[in-house]
Amino acid sequence: MPQLDTSTWFITIISSLITLFILFQLKISSQSFPLPPMLKTTATLKTKNPWESKWTKIYSPLSLPLQ
């Protein structure tokens, strides 16, 4: 029974991988991908709350004068 000659397997596999790599690179580079979405600046609307126009003070029992 003759032995299988494996001396050319390495160069065959390497050349196949290089060819596949080049083909995939050419296929990917020929496609056009959409641009990433741009950020939209949104203006925040400032709502006036009733408590923002008044000055209020919270009295803590410890800060009250002694009686």
N, C-alpha and C. Protein backbone atom coordinates (compact mmCIF):
# COMPACT_ATOMS: atom_id res chain seq x y z
N MET A 1 0.85 -1.18 0.00
CA MET A 1 0.00 0.00 0.00
C MET A 1 0.90 1.24 0.00
N PRO A 2 0.73 2.13 -0.97
CA PRO A 2 1.61 3.31 -1.03
C PRO A 2 1.25 4.34 0.04
N GLN A 3 2.25 5.05 0.45
CA GLN A 3 2.03 6.09 1.46
C GLN A 3 1.52 7.36 0.80
N LEU A 4 0.75 8.13 1.58
CA LEU A 4 0.19 9.39 1.07
C LEU A 4 1.26 10.47 1.16
N ASP A 5 1.47 11.14 0.05
CA ASP A 5 2.49 12.19 0.02
C ASP A 5 1.89 13.49 0.56
N THR A 6 2.35 13.92 1.72
CA THR A 6 1.81 15.12 2.37
C THR A 6 2.75 16.30 2.28
N SER A 7 3.74 16.24 1.45
CA SER A 7 4.74 17.31 1.38
C SER A 7 4.16 18.60 0.79
N THR A 8 3.12 18.52 -0.01
CA THR A 8 2.58 19.73 -0.63
C THR A 8 1.35 20.28 0.10
N TRP A 9 0.95 19.63 1.18
CA TRP A 9 -0.25 20.07 1.89
C TRP A 9 -0.08 21.46 2.51
N PHE A 10 1.09 21.69 3.07
CA PHE A 10 1.31 22.97 3.74
C PHE A 10 1.17 24.15 2.78
N ILE A 11 1.81 24.09 1.66
CA ILE A 11 1.74 25.19 0.70
C ILE A 11 0.34 25.30 0.10
N THR A 12 -0.35 24.19 -0.04
CA THR A 12 -1.71 24.22 -0.58
C THR A 12 -2.66 24.90 0.40
N ILE A 13 -2.55 24.54 1.67
CA ILE A 13 -3.43 25.14 2.69
C ILE A 13 -3.12 26.63 2.86
N ILE A 14 -1.86 26.98 2.91
CA ILE A 14 -1.47 28.39 3.08
C ILE A 14 -1.92 29.22 1.89
N SER A 15 -1.73 28.73 0.70
CA SER A 15 -2.15 29.50 -0.47
C SER A 15 -3.67 29.62 -0.55
N SER A 16 -4.38 28.59 -0.10
CA SER A 16 -5.85 28.67 -0.07
C SER A 16 -6.31 29.71 0.94
N LEU A 17 -5.68 29.73 2.09
CA LEU A 17 -6.06 30.73 3.11
C LEU A 17 -5.76 32.15 2.63
N ILE A 18 -4.64 32.35 2.01
CA ILE A 18 -4.29 33.68 1.50
C ILE A 18 -5.28 34.10 0.41
N THR A 19 -5.64 33.17 -0.46
CA THR A 19 -6.60 33.49 -1.52
C THR A 19 -7.96 33.84 -0.93
N LEU A 20 -8.41 33.07 0.06
CA LEU A 20 -9.69 33.38 0.71
C LEU A 20 -9.64 34.74 1.40
N PHE A 21 -8.54 35.03 2.05
CA PHE A 21 -8.40 36.31 2.72
C PHE A 21 -8.50 37.47 1.72
N ILE A 22 -7.80 37.34 0.61
CA ILE A 22 -7.83 38.40 -0.41
C ILE A 22 -9.22 38.54 -1.01
N LEU A 23 -9.88 37.42 -1.28
CA LEU A 23 -11.23 37.50 -1.84
C LEU A 23 -12.21 38.17 -0.88
N PHE A 24 -12.12 37.82 0.40
CA PHE A 24 -13.01 38.46 1.37
C PHE A 24 -12.70 39.95 1.52
N GLN A 25 -11.43 40.30 1.49
CA GLN A 25 -11.07 41.72 1.58
C GLN A 25 -11.62 42.49 0.39
N LEU A 26 -11.53 41.93 -0.79
CA LEU A 26 -12.05 42.61 -1.97
C LEU A 26 -13.58 42.71 -1.91
N LYS A 27 -14.22 41.67 -1.42
CA LYS A 27 -15.67 41.69 -1.33
C LYS A 27 -16.15 42.73 -0.30
N ILE A 28 -15.47 42.79 0.83
CA ILE A 28 -15.86 43.75 1.87
C ILE A 28 -15.55 45.18 1.44
N SER A 29 -14.42 45.39 0.77
CA SER A 29 -14.04 46.76 0.39
C SER A 29 -14.92 47.30 -0.73
N SER A 30 -15.58 46.43 -1.48
CA SER A 30 -16.43 46.92 -2.56
C SER A 30 -17.81 47.35 -2.05
N GLN A 31 -18.15 46.97 -0.82
CA GLN A 31 -19.46 47.35 -0.28
C GLN A 31 -19.39 48.74 0.31
N SER A 32 -20.52 49.44 0.25
CA SER A 32 -20.57 50.76 0.86
C SER A 32 -21.48 50.68 2.08
N PHE A 33 -20.94 51.05 3.21
CA PHE A 33 -21.67 51.00 4.46
C PHE A 33 -22.26 52.38 4.75
N PRO A 34 -23.43 52.43 5.39
CA PRO A 34 -24.01 53.74 5.71
C PRO A 34 -23.19 54.46 6.79
N LEU A 35 -23.26 55.77 6.76
CA LEU A 35 -22.53 56.57 7.73
C LEU A 35 -23.18 56.42 9.10
N PRO A 36 -22.41 56.56 10.16
CA PRO A 36 -23.01 56.49 11.49
C PRO A 36 -23.93 57.68 11.70
N PRO A 37 -24.97 57.54 12.48
CA PRO A 37 -25.90 58.65 12.69
C PRO A 37 -25.24 59.80 13.43
N MET A 38 -25.61 61.00 13.04
CA MET A 38 -25.05 62.19 13.67
C MET A 38 -25.86 62.53 14.92
N LEU A 39 -25.17 63.12 15.88
CA LEU A 39 -25.85 63.52 17.10
C LEU A 39 -26.67 64.77 16.85
N LYS A 40 -27.92 64.74 17.30
CA LYS A 40 -28.78 65.89 17.13
C LYS A 40 -28.81 66.65 18.46
N THR A 41 -28.54 67.95 18.40
CA THR A 41 -28.57 68.75 19.61
C THR A 41 -30.02 69.13 19.90
N THR A 42 -30.46 68.76 21.06
CA THR A 42 -31.83 69.07 21.44
C THR A 42 -31.80 70.18 22.48
N ALA A 43 -32.64 71.18 22.26
CA ALA A 43 -32.72 72.30 23.19
C ALA A 43 -33.64 71.90 24.33
N THR A 44 -33.12 72.00 25.55
CA THR A 44 -33.94 71.65 26.71
C THR A 44 -34.82 72.83 27.07
N LEU A 45 -36.08 72.57 27.23
CA LEU A 45 -37.02 73.62 27.60
C LEU A 45 -37.04 73.77 29.12
N LYS A 46 -36.83 74.99 29.58
CA LYS A 46 -36.81 75.26 31.00
C LYS A 46 -38.22 75.65 31.44
N THR A 47 -38.81 74.84 32.30
CA THR A 47 -40.14 75.15 32.81
C THR A 47 -40.01 75.83 34.16
N LYS A 48 -40.83 76.83 34.35
CA LYS A 48 -40.80 77.56 35.61
C LYS A 48 -41.73 76.88 36.59
N ASN A 49 -41.19 76.44 37.68
CA ASN A 49 -41.99 75.85 38.75
C ASN A 49 -42.30 76.93 39.78
N PRO A 50 -43.45 76.83 40.44
CA PRO A 50 -43.80 77.88 41.40
C PRO A 50 -42.80 78.02 42.54
N TRP A 51 -42.18 76.93 42.94
CA TRP A 51 -41.27 77.02 44.06
C TRP A 51 -39.89 77.55 43.66
N GLU A 52 -39.62 77.68 42.38
CA GLU A 52 -38.34 78.23 41.97
C GLU A 52 -38.31 79.75 42.07
N SER A 53 -39.46 80.38 41.99
CA SER A 53 -39.47 81.83 42.06
C SER A 53 -39.54 82.34 43.50
N LYS A 54 -39.85 81.49 44.44
CA LYS A 54 -39.96 81.90 45.84
C LYS A 54 -38.75 81.40 46.63
N TRP A 55 -38.40 82.16 47.64
CA TRP A 55 -37.33 81.74 48.52
C TRP A 55 -37.98 81.09 49.73
N THR A 56 -37.60 79.88 49.99
CA THR A 56 -38.18 79.18 51.14
C THR A 56 -37.05 78.73 52.04
N LYS A 57 -37.36 78.68 53.30
CA LYS A 57 -36.37 78.23 54.28
C LYS A 57 -37.01 77.15 55.12
N ILE A 58 -36.30 76.08 55.30
CA ILE A 58 -36.79 75.01 56.16
C ILE A 58 -36.11 75.17 57.51
N TYR A 59 -36.92 75.28 58.54
CA TYR A 59 -36.39 75.46 59.88
C TYR A 59 -36.19 74.11 60.53
N SER A 60 -34.99 73.87 60.93
CA SER A 60 -34.69 72.65 61.65
C SER A 60 -34.93 72.94 63.14
N PRO A 61 -35.49 71.97 63.88
CA PRO A 61 -35.73 72.22 65.31
C PRO A 61 -34.45 72.54 66.05
N LEU A 62 -33.30 72.04 65.59
CA LEU A 62 -32.06 72.31 66.32
C LEU A 62 -31.54 73.72 66.05
N SER A 63 -31.97 74.34 64.95
CA SER A 63 -31.46 75.67 64.65
C SER A 63 -32.35 76.79 65.19
N LEU A 64 -33.49 76.42 65.77
CA LEU A 64 -34.38 77.44 66.34
C LEU A 64 -33.78 77.99 67.61
N PRO A 65 -34.08 79.26 67.93
CA PRO A 65 -33.55 79.80 69.19
C PRO A 65 -34.15 79.11 70.39
N LEU A 66 -33.39 79.06 71.44
CA LEU A 66 -33.87 78.44 72.68
C LEU A 66 -34.95 79.31 73.31
N GLN A 67 -35.92 78.68 73.88
CA GLN A 67 -37.01 79.44 74.51
C GLN A 67 -36.97 79.35 76.00
